[in-house]
Protein backbone atom coordinates (compact mmCIF):
# COMPACT_ATOMS: atom_id res chain seq x y z
CA MET A 1 0.10 -0.11 -0.50
CA ASN A 2 1.58 3.60 -1.03
CA ARG A 3 1.69 6.34 1.34
CA MET A 4 -1.24 8.16 -0.43
CA ASN A 5 -3.39 5.26 0.18
CA LEU A 6 -2.18 4.84 3.87
CA ALA A 7 -2.89 8.42 4.62
CA ILE A 8 -6.49 8.28 3.25
CA ARG A 9 -7.62 4.78 5.52
CA ILE A 10 -5.65 6.57 8.68
CA LEU A 11 -7.96 9.77 8.15
CA SER A 12 -10.79 7.70 7.22
CA GLY A 13 -10.78 6.20 10.27
CA ALA A 14 -10.25 9.61 12.02
CA LEU A 15 -13.21 10.31 10.76
CA ALA A 16 -14.85 7.60 11.50
CA ALA A 17 -14.01 7.48 14.85
CA ALA A 18 -15.20 11.69 15.27
CA GLY A 19 -18.88 10.60 13.40
CA MET A 20 -17.47 13.06 11.17
CA THR A 21 -18.08 12.50 7.08
CA ALA A 22 -17.22 14.60 3.85
CA THR A 23 -20.48 14.97 2.72
CA ALA A 24 -22.52 18.60 3.13
CA SER A 25 -25.27 18.23 5.88
CA ALA A 26 -28.21 20.48 5.08
CA GLU A 27 -27.79 22.32 8.48
CA GLY A 28 -24.94 23.58 10.80
CA LEU A 29 -21.13 24.14 9.50
CA LYS A 30 -19.94 22.19 6.93
CA LEU A 31 -15.61 23.12 7.32
CA GLY A 32 -12.14 22.18 4.94
CA ALA A 33 -9.10 21.17 6.32
CA LEU A 34 -6.16 21.31 4.20
CA MET A 35 -3.69 19.09 5.68
CA PRO A 36 -0.05 17.68 4.98
CA MET A 37 -1.57 13.10 4.84
CA THR A 38 1.59 13.48 2.57
CA GLY A 39 5.40 15.10 1.52
CA GLY A 40 7.58 17.15 3.73
CA LEU A 41 5.21 17.29 6.57
CA GLN A 42 3.20 14.66 6.88
CA ALA A 43 4.54 14.18 10.11
CA TYR A 44 2.10 16.78 11.37
CA GLY A 45 -0.80 16.02 9.40
CA GLU A 46 -2.50 13.22 11.55
CA SER A 47 -1.65 14.98 15.12
CA SER A 48 -3.14 18.62 13.25
CA PHE A 49 -6.07 17.04 12.00
CA ASN A 50 -6.40 15.51 15.58
CA GLY A 51 -6.87 18.92 17.10
CA VAL A 52 -9.53 19.78 13.89
CA SER A 53 -11.79 16.48 15.12
CA LEU A 54 -11.03 17.73 18.85
CA ALA A 55 -13.10 20.81 17.78
CA ILE A 56 -15.58 19.28 16.16
CA GLU A 57 -16.62 16.77 18.57
CA GLU A 58 -16.54 19.51 21.08
CA MET A 59 -18.91 21.50 18.98
CA ASN A 60 -21.33 18.63 17.83
CA ALA A 61 -22.31 17.62 21.82
CA ALA A 62 -22.66 21.12 22.68
CA GLY A 63 -25.60 20.60 19.88
CA GLY A 64 -23.57 22.01 16.94
CA VAL A 65 -23.58 25.52 15.27
CA ASN A 66 -26.97 26.96 14.55
CA GLY A 67 -29.25 23.95 15.07
CA GLY A 68 -27.15 21.66 12.58
CA LYS A 69 -24.17 19.42 12.61
CA VAL A 70 -20.32 20.72 12.36
CA THR A 71 -18.74 18.01 9.37
CA VAL A 72 -15.40 18.84 7.43
CA SER A 73 -13.94 17.81 4.32
CA VAL A 74 -10.59 17.14 4.19
CA GLY A 75 -7.85 17.92 1.78
CA ASP A 76 -4.70 16.75 1.65
CA THR A 77 -1.88 19.20 0.18
CA GLN A 78 0.72 16.82 -0.55
CA THR A 79 2.90 19.64 1.22
CA SER A 80 3.06 21.10 -2.40
CA SER A 81 1.74 24.15 -3.55
CA GLN A 82 -0.12 23.60 -6.49
CA ALA A 83 -1.46 20.19 -4.77
CA GLY A 84 -2.76 22.57 -1.99
CA VAL A 85 -4.17 24.81 -4.21
CA ASP A 86 -6.51 22.12 -6.35
CA ALA A 87 -7.14 20.98 -2.81
CA ALA A 88 -8.73 23.97 -1.88
CA LYS A 89 -10.31 24.89 -5.33
CA LYS A 90 -12.53 21.92 -3.99
CA LEU A 91 -13.12 22.54 -1.07
CA THR A 92 -14.75 25.81 -1.96
CA ASP A 93 -16.13 24.90 -5.22
CA LEU A 94 -17.20 21.27 -4.78
CA GLU A 95 -18.06 20.69 -2.05
CA ASN A 96 -18.84 24.83 -0.75
CA VAL A 97 -17.58 25.12 3.04
CA SER A 98 -17.86 27.97 4.49
CA GLY A 99 -14.09 28.49 6.27
CA ILE A 100 -10.68 26.34 5.73
CA ILE A 101 -8.59 25.26 8.60
CA GLY A 102 -5.11 25.64 6.99
CA ALA A 103 -2.93 24.33 5.16
CA LEU A 104 0.17 24.20 7.34
CA SER A 105 2.53 25.27 5.03
CA SER A 106 3.46 28.75 4.51
CA GLY A 107 4.40 27.40 0.89
CA VAL A 108 0.86 26.34 0.04
CA THR A 109 -1.27 28.86 2.61
CA ILE A 110 0.23 31.77 0.17
CA PRO A 111 -0.55 30.29 -2.78
CA VAL A 112 -4.29 29.09 -1.24
CA ALA A 113 -4.96 32.83 0.19
CA SER A 114 -4.26 34.45 -3.26
CA THR A 115 -5.65 31.85 -5.90
CA VAL A 116 -8.91 30.46 -3.60
CA SER A 117 -10.00 31.88 -0.46
CA ARG A 118 -9.18 35.11 -1.49
CA ALA A 119 -11.13 35.26 -5.15
CA VAL A 120 -14.03 33.44 -3.38
CA GLY A 121 -13.60 35.80 0.13
CA VAL A 122 -14.20 31.92 2.14
CA THR A 123 -12.09 32.40 5.99
CA GLN A 124 -8.97 30.58 5.67
CA ILE A 125 -7.29 29.99 8.95
CA SER A 126 -3.76 28.72 9.04
CA SER A 127 -2.79 26.95 12.05
CA ALA A 128 0.76 26.15 10.98
CA SER A 129 2.01 28.77 8.34
CA THR A 130 5.05 31.23 9.72
CA SER A 131 6.39 32.99 6.77
CA PRO A 132 6.41 36.24 7.28
CA GLU A 133 5.79 36.81 3.95
CA ILE A 134 1.77 36.53 5.41
CA THR A 135 1.83 39.06 7.19
CA LYS A 136 2.19 41.69 4.27
CA LEU A 137 0.18 39.16 1.45
CA ASP A 138 -2.93 41.07 0.19
CA ASP A 139 -5.25 38.73 1.10
CA LYS A 140 -8.48 40.82 1.53
CA ASP A 141 -8.60 40.09 4.72
CA PHE A 142 -9.46 36.00 4.34
CA LEU A 143 -6.60 35.51 5.70
CA PHE A 144 -5.36 34.83 9.65
CA ARG A 145 -3.59 32.29 11.44
CA THR A 146 -2.92 31.03 14.65
CA VAL A 147 0.39 30.40 15.67
CA PRO A 148 2.71 33.64 15.30
CA THR A 149 5.43 35.07 12.44
CA ASP A 150 8.45 33.71 12.03
CA ALA A 151 10.15 37.43 12.53
CA VAL A 152 9.66 36.54 15.96
CA GLN A 153 10.45 33.14 16.04
CA GLY A 154 13.62 34.57 14.81
CA VAL A 155 13.88 36.46 17.78
CA ALA A 156 13.15 33.24 19.89
CA LEU A 157 15.21 31.19 18.46
CA ALA A 158 19.46 33.65 18.35
CA GLN A 159 17.87 34.34 22.59
CA VAL A 160 18.28 30.87 22.93
CA ALA A 161 21.25 30.32 20.80
CA ARG A 162 22.69 33.54 22.73
CA GLU A 163 22.23 31.80 26.30
CA LYS A 164 23.65 27.95 25.20
CA GLY A 165 26.61 29.93 23.97
CA LEU A 166 26.53 29.95 20.47
CA LYS A 167 29.28 32.32 18.73
CA SER A 168 29.05 30.75 14.64
CA VAL A 169 26.82 28.63 12.79
CA ALA A 170 25.58 27.50 9.82
CA ILE A 171 22.22 27.65 8.19
CA ILE A 172 20.58 25.06 5.12
CA TYR A 173 17.26 25.99 4.78
CA VAL A 174 14.43 24.91 2.40
CA ASN A 175 13.85 27.10 -0.03
CA ASN A 176 10.42 28.19 0.71
CA ASP A 177 8.27 30.86 2.29
CA TYR A 178 9.08 29.37 5.48
CA GLY A 179 12.49 28.41 4.74
CA LYS A 180 13.62 31.83 4.03
CA GLY A 181 11.84 33.86 5.92
CA LEU A 182 12.82 32.12 9.05
CA ALA A 183 16.73 32.19 8.02
CA GLU A 184 17.04 35.53 7.31
CA ALA A 185 15.11 36.95 10.75
CA PHE A 186 17.49 34.62 12.36
CA ALA A 187 20.06 36.12 10.80
CA ARG A 188 19.37 39.27 11.73
CA ASN A 189 19.27 38.61 15.13
CA PHE A 190 22.13 36.37 15.84
CA SER A 191 24.48 37.84 17.99
CA GLY A 192 27.33 35.68 16.53
CA ARG A 193 28.20 34.85 13.44
CA VAL A 194 26.75 32.98 10.14
CA THR A 195 29.26 31.67 8.48
CA GLN A 196 27.34 30.45 5.13
CA SER A 197 23.49 30.36 4.45
CA VAL A 198 22.01 28.00 1.82
CA ALA A 199 19.00 26.90 0.38
CA PHE A 200 17.99 23.45 -0.99
CA GLU A 201 15.30 21.98 -3.40
CA GLU A 202 12.83 19.11 -1.47
CA LYS A 203 12.90 15.63 -2.90
CA GLN A 204 16.29 15.49 -3.87
CA ALA A 205 18.38 11.81 -4.00
CA SER A 206 21.10 14.24 -2.37
CA TYR A 207 22.23 17.09 -0.33
CA ARG A 208 25.56 16.44 0.21
CA GLY A 209 26.34 19.63 -2.18
CA GLU A 210 24.56 21.84 0.09
CA ILE A 211 25.91 20.68 3.26
CA ARG A 212 29.80 20.47 1.74
CA LYS A 213 28.84 24.16 0.85
CA ALA A 214 27.77 25.29 4.12
CA ALA A 215 30.74 23.68 5.82
CA GLU A 216 33.04 25.41 3.68
CA GLY A 217 33.14 28.39 7.44
CA LYS A 218 33.89 25.56 8.84
CA ALA A 219 31.39 27.01 11.62
CA GLY A 220 31.03 23.02 13.79
CA THR A 221 26.83 23.66 14.31
CA LEU A 222 24.27 23.37 12.13
CA LEU A 223 21.24 25.31 11.53
CA LEU A 224 18.35 23.36 9.96
CA ILE A 225 15.24 24.98 8.48
CA ALA A 226 13.35 22.11 7.02
CA TYR A 227 10.95 19.18 7.35
CA PRO A 228 11.10 15.83 8.49
CA GLU A 229 10.81 14.42 4.53
CA ALA A 230 13.91 16.39 4.11
CA GLY A 231 15.36 17.27 7.19
CA ILE A 232 16.50 13.01 8.16
CA PRO A 233 18.62 12.90 4.87
CA ILE A 234 20.15 16.04 5.13
CA LEU A 235 21.16 14.85 8.79
CA LYS A 236 22.10 11.69 7.93
CA GLN A 237 24.33 13.12 5.16
CA SER A 238 26.12 15.27 7.75
CA LEU A 239 27.13 12.97 10.28
CA GLU A 240 28.12 10.43 8.00
CA GLY A 241 29.90 12.19 5.84
CA GLY A 242 31.31 14.02 8.57
CA PHE A 243 30.60 17.50 8.28
CA PHE A 244 28.68 18.26 10.75
CA ALA A 245 28.03 16.37 14.29
CA LYS A 246 26.32 19.45 15.86
CA PHE A 247 22.97 20.87 15.15
CA VAL A 248 19.74 23.71 15.85
CA PHE A 249 16.76 22.92 14.74
CA THR A 250 13.43 25.04 14.72
CA ASP A 251 9.84 23.97 14.78
CA GLY A 252 9.55 21.98 11.00
CA MET A 253 11.31 19.14 13.05
CA LYS A 254 10.44 18.92 15.55
CA ALA A 255 9.17 15.41 15.40
CA PRO A 256 10.13 12.56 17.38
CA GLU A 257 10.07 10.52 14.17
CA VAL A 258 13.81 12.61 13.46
CA ILE A 259 14.68 11.01 16.88
CA LYS A 260 14.03 7.50 16.04
CA ALA A 261 14.76 7.43 12.55
CA ILE A 262 18.80 9.24 13.45
CA GLY A 263 19.70 8.16 16.23
CA ALA A 264 19.84 9.79 19.70
CA LYS A 265 23.15 9.52 20.51
CA TYR A 266 24.16 11.66 17.64
CA LEU A 267 21.17 14.17 18.71
CA ASN A 268 20.65 14.51 22.39
CA GLY A 269 22.35 17.77 23.41
CA THR A 270 19.96 19.24 19.76
CA TYR A 271 17.82 22.62 20.72
CA ALA A 272 15.48 24.57 19.49
CA THR A 273 12.46 26.95 19.31
CA ALA A 274 8.91 26.34 18.39
CA PRO A 275 5.33 28.17 19.42
CA GLN A 276 3.86 26.91 22.20
CA ALA A 277 1.96 28.66 24.72
CA LYS A 278 1.53 28.06 28.48
CA GLY A 279 -1.20 29.24 31.62
CA LYS A 280 -4.55 28.11 32.28
CA ALA A 281 -5.81 27.58 28.70
CA SER A 282 -2.93 25.38 27.38
CA ALA A 283 -3.62 23.08 30.38
CA ILE A 284 -7.21 22.75 29.64
CA PHE A 285 -6.33 21.67 26.09
CA LYS A 286 -3.85 19.01 26.71
CA LYS A 287 -6.03 17.29 29.75
CA LEU A 288 -8.95 17.66 26.77
CA TYR A 289 -6.69 15.70 24.65
CA GLU A 290 -4.72 13.39 26.51
CA LYS A 291 -9.05 12.15 27.76
CA ARG A 292 -9.73 11.92 23.78
CA PHE A 293 -6.69 10.26 22.22
CA GLY A 294 -4.28 9.55 24.69
CA GLN A 295 -1.02 11.27 25.58
CA LEU A 296 -0.49 14.48 23.93
CA PRO A 297 1.94 13.84 20.72
CA PRO A 298 5.48 16.84 21.75
CA LYS A 299 4.72 17.96 18.49
CA PRO A 300 3.37 21.69 17.53
CA PHE A 301 0.70 22.81 15.50
CA ILE A 302 -1.88 20.39 17.39
CA ASP A 303 -3.41 23.06 19.89
CA SER A 304 -3.59 25.54 17.38
CA ALA A 305 -5.43 23.66 14.79
CA TYR A 306 -7.92 23.36 17.26
CA ASP A 307 -8.52 26.99 17.45
CA ALA A 308 -8.52 27.75 14.39
CA THR A 309 -11.71 25.13 14.30
CA LEU A 310 -13.23 26.75 16.81
CA LEU A 311 -13.15 29.95 15.81
CA LEU A 312 -14.92 29.11 12.62
CA GLY A 313 -17.67 27.26 14.95
CA LEU A 314 -17.89 30.43 17.18
CA ALA A 315 -17.91 33.37 14.19
CA ALA A 316 -19.94 31.00 12.46
CA VAL A 317 -23.00 31.15 15.59
CA LYS A 318 -22.14 35.04 16.29
CA ALA A 319 -22.83 35.51 12.20
CA GLY A 320 -25.95 33.12 12.64
CA GLY A 321 -25.10 30.93 10.28
CA GLY A 322 -22.75 29.54 7.74
CA GLY A 323 -21.84 32.48 5.42
CA ARG A 324 -18.65 33.10 4.62
CA ALA A 325 -18.64 36.79 4.08
CA ALA A 326 -20.43 36.97 7.58
CA ILE A 327 -18.19 34.75 9.09
CA GLN A 328 -14.45 36.51 7.98
CA LYS A 329 -16.55 39.65 9.86
CA SER A 330 -17.60 37.80 12.79
CA LEU A 331 -14.14 36.23 13.30
CA ARG A 332 -12.29 38.99 15.09
CA PHE A 333 -15.74 39.37 17.63
CA VAL A 334 -15.31 36.34 19.12
CA ALA A 335 -11.14 36.22 19.39
CA ASN A 336 -10.74 39.28 20.46
CA PRO A 337 -11.39 41.70 23.70
CA PRO A 338 -13.42 43.09 25.17
CA GLY A 339 -15.71 40.74 26.47
CA ALA A 340 -15.99 37.49 28.46
CA GLN A 341 -12.70 35.33 28.33
CA VAL A 342 -14.65 31.69 27.39
CA PHE A 343 -11.38 28.95 26.95
CA PRO A 344 -10.84 25.68 24.98
CA GLY A 345 -14.00 22.74 26.43
CA GLU A 346 -16.62 25.53 26.94
CA PHE A 347 -18.04 26.22 23.28
CA ALA A 348 -21.24 25.56 24.75
CA LYS A 349 -20.95 28.60 27.44
CA ALA A 350 -19.70 30.66 24.22
CA ALA A 351 -22.30 29.73 21.98
CA LYS A 352 -25.28 30.79 25.23
CA LEU A 353 -22.92 34.31 25.57
CA LEU A 354 -23.39 34.97 22.27
CA LYS A 355 -27.00 34.15 21.50
CA ASP A 356 -27.55 36.38 24.77
CA GLY A 357 -26.08 38.72 23.33
CA LYS A 358 -22.82 39.28 24.83
CA ASP A 359 -19.43 39.57 23.68
CA ILE A 360 -16.74 37.08 24.42
CA ASP A 361 -12.92 37.15 24.33
CA TYR A 362 -11.45 32.76 23.17
CA VAL A 363 -8.31 32.55 24.82
CA GLY A 364 -6.72 29.87 22.96
CA ALA A 365 -5.16 26.36 23.42
CA SER A 366 -2.09 28.07 21.78
CA GLY A 367 -2.20 31.37 23.40
CA PRO A 368 -4.53 34.84 23.27
CA GLN A 369 -6.69 34.97 19.06
CA ASN A 370 -6.31 38.56 19.76
CA PHE A 371 -6.40 38.99 15.05
CA ASP A 372 -4.28 42.14 14.40
CA ALA A 373 -4.59 44.05 11.09
CA ASN A 374 -3.22 41.66 9.21
CA GLY A 375 -4.92 38.29 10.98
CA ASP A 376 -1.62 38.01 12.42
CA VAL A 377 -1.78 37.34 16.19
CA ALA A 378 0.71 37.51 19.18
CA GLY A 379 2.56 33.99 20.80
CA THR A 380 5.28 32.94 23.14
CA TYR A 381 8.27 30.36 22.04
CA ALA A 382 9.29 27.04 23.87
CA HIS A 383 13.01 26.18 24.01
CA TRP A 384 12.97 23.00 23.58
CA GLU A 385 16.06 20.09 23.58
CA ILE A 386 16.58 16.52 22.59
CA LYS A 387 17.42 14.56 26.09
CA ALA A 388 17.73 10.66 26.89
CA GLY A 389 15.70 10.33 23.30
CA LYS A 390 13.28 12.65 23.82
CA ILE A 391 11.89 15.75 23.42
CA VAL A 392 11.80 18.16 26.69
CA THR A 393 10.49 21.71 26.98
CA ILE A 394 13.10 23.43 28.84
CA LYS A 395 10.80 26.54 29.32
CA VAL A 396 7.85 28.20 27.35
CA PHE A 397 8.91 32.03 26.88
CA GLU A 398 8.18 35.60 25.26
CA PRO A 399 11.06 36.55 23.18
CA LYS A 400 13.07 39.69 24.17
């Protein structure tokens, strides 16, 4: 069975377990989810969809939205811009969804926003796309995200590198909006020396040319900005060729699959950053997730996928229906202060407040979801490390 068929079978099982179908209901709310069930970000597809499923189950347990069930149709982006655009067109044109969760990668989210969601007027909330380019995108205010921009993650990672005493580093980054934006943001804020900054294309048979070029500056430490599919062979080839033995990661490599593929003894001591929340809302979400799915994986973007889904549902309640334009106009009303604070697990309470004409302020599982004029949110970051073969959070902090 190939990877695509396996991903579809896994997804079908998840939908069945959640009591959801891929067909529209006569009432309620139909959403679309752009998930990388295959491709470079496959390691985050199923886990992120668990966040979506948890939010939909919560909404349906509370009676759904405006008298009907919430359903979801899923499009596999394959972590590819063209596949993502094709999937988005199917969701909007054929499935007639009222809102879109996703995509995860900036290289997919940006073309979807530019050619699909903006054109048809459907609200799109990415739960993982962090490129600074999104902030200035002309999306007609139909693109939002529940994670902070990499302009901030660059500051966070540079701060951690400084605290760890890093003096020089070589960078290898995936040649897309995510990789380029984060590499540039880190370089601007790093107090040490960037000896080389080398882009790579995905799906190569070998990355030795790029690794060799990165090693020319003799930094000794490699900052790898990648997704697991390409990141794993880059790590293997770096070690096998003796080019690098020390690594720094970003959020795109925060996956246990990376450690399993390379071996803990080679990665212990590796440190990195990733968006991560702290506080009451985050703790509530963790309990909700573990009650439904078991242990919360040490992966990013699960909580932010939950937030994106729940916010679309709350906006539809405020709008009084599943109309696309009405949802877009209602989104900031349910997300931003002022208003009664509501937390993960409190959809029923929030819906009642909205139906009573009250203002609400949703405090998200992944952090406060206060959308600015560009659809961006602020956030905190985790300094995480690999210790004894496990991903361990060292601290959660606000970059400064």
